[in-house]
Protein backbone atom coordinates (compact mmCIF):
# COMPACT_ATOMS: atom_id res chain seq x y z
CA MET A 1 -11.41 27.79 1.80
CA LEU A 2 -9.84 26.07 -1.18
CA SER A 3 -6.51 25.66 0.63
CA PHE A 4 -8.37 23.91 3.47
CA ILE A 5 -10.02 21.50 1.01
CA GLY A 6 -6.69 21.01 -0.77
CA ALA A 7 -5.01 20.19 2.54
CA ILE A 8 -7.70 17.58 3.23
CA ILE A 9 -7.19 15.95 -0.16
CA ILE A 10 -3.40 15.95 0.24
CA GLY A 11 -3.89 14.62 3.77
CA LEU A 12 -6.00 11.74 2.51
CA LEU A 13 -3.23 10.71 0.16
CA ALA A 14 -0.58 11.35 2.82
CA GLY A 15 -2.47 9.11 5.26
CA LEU A 16 -2.44 6.31 2.71
CA VAL A 17 1.30 6.71 2.12
CA ALA A 18 2.00 6.93 5.87
CA LYS A 19 0.08 3.69 6.40
CA PHE A 20 2.25 1.96 3.79
CA LEU A 21 5.48 3.45 5.20
CA MET A 22 4.58 2.50 8.78
CA PRO A 23 2.97 -0.92 8.45
CA GLY A 24 1.45 -2.63 11.41
CA ARG A 25 -1.78 -2.97 13.23
CA ASP A 26 -3.16 0.38 14.19
CA PRO A 27 -5.80 0.67 16.84
CA GLY A 28 -8.75 2.05 14.96
CA GLY A 29 -7.80 0.63 11.59
CA PHE A 30 -7.38 2.11 8.17
CA ILE A 31 -9.97 4.89 8.48
CA VAL A 32 -8.30 6.30 11.59
CA THR A 33 -4.96 6.26 9.76
CA ILE A 34 -6.46 8.29 6.92
CA LEU A 35 -7.97 10.76 9.41
CA LEU A 36 -4.57 11.09 11.08
CA GLY A 37 -3.09 11.78 7.64
CA ILE A 38 -5.60 14.56 7.09
CA ALA A 39 -4.72 15.98 10.51
CA GLY A 40 -1.01 15.73 9.62
CA ALA A 41 -1.55 17.67 6.40
CA LEU A 42 -3.56 20.36 8.18
CA VAL A 43 -0.91 20.68 10.88
CA ALA A 44 1.86 20.80 8.26
CA THR A 45 -0.06 23.48 6.36
CA TYR A 46 -0.61 25.75 9.32
CA LEU A 47 2.83 25.23 10.84
CA GLY A 48 4.40 25.86 7.43
CA GLN A 49 2.42 29.08 7.08
CA ALA A 50 3.39 30.16 10.60
CA VAL A 51 7.09 29.53 9.93
CA GLY A 52 6.93 31.18 6.51
CA TRP A 53 7.49 28.14 4.29
CA TYR A 54 4.06 28.56 2.69
CA GLY A 55 2.10 31.64 1.76
CA PRO A 56 -1.35 32.40 3.21
CA ASP A 57 -3.17 30.59 0.40
CA GLN A 58 -0.75 27.69 -0.02
CA LYS A 59 -1.22 24.22 1.36
CA ALA A 60 1.46 21.86 2.58
CA GLY A 61 3.36 20.00 -0.06
CA PHE A 62 2.89 16.29 -0.36
CA ILE A 63 6.18 15.44 1.35
CA GLY A 64 5.42 17.79 4.24
CA ALA A 65 1.99 16.24 4.62
CA VAL A 66 3.44 12.72 4.66
CA VAL A 67 5.99 13.72 7.30
CA GLY A 68 3.23 15.34 9.38
CA ALA A 69 1.07 12.23 9.01
CA ILE A 70 3.91 9.93 10.06
CA ILE A 71 4.64 12.05 13.13
CA ILE A 72 0.99 12.11 14.18
CA LEU A 73 0.61 8.37 13.46
CA PHE A 74 3.68 7.61 15.57
CA GLY A 75 2.36 9.74 18.44
CA TYR A 76 -1.06 8.13 18.17
CA ARG A 77 0.45 4.65 18.36
CA MET A 78 2.50 5.60 21.43
CA ILE A 79 -0.52 7.05 23.24
CA VAL A 80 -2.84 4.15 22.43
CA ARG A 81 -0.25 1.53 23.43
CA ARG A 82 0.23 3.16 26.83
CA ALA A 83 -3.50 3.08 27.41
CA HIS A 84 -3.60 -0.69 26.97
């Protein structure tokens, strides 16, 4: 349970960093970007555990979470732009 909470906290910070690294107007604004960062950290945590980079009780590192957040933010922007 603590690794899940840790991943959320890292994801919050990763979402902030991803927003600064990928400036621009995001549909949904700043809050959605932070939520995507949290999702990126959770995805990075579970993919890292599946691949063997992290142990069962370890969360994604900050850099992994930022990379996950940037990937999810990029995908989100592509999907939302196609819809408009």
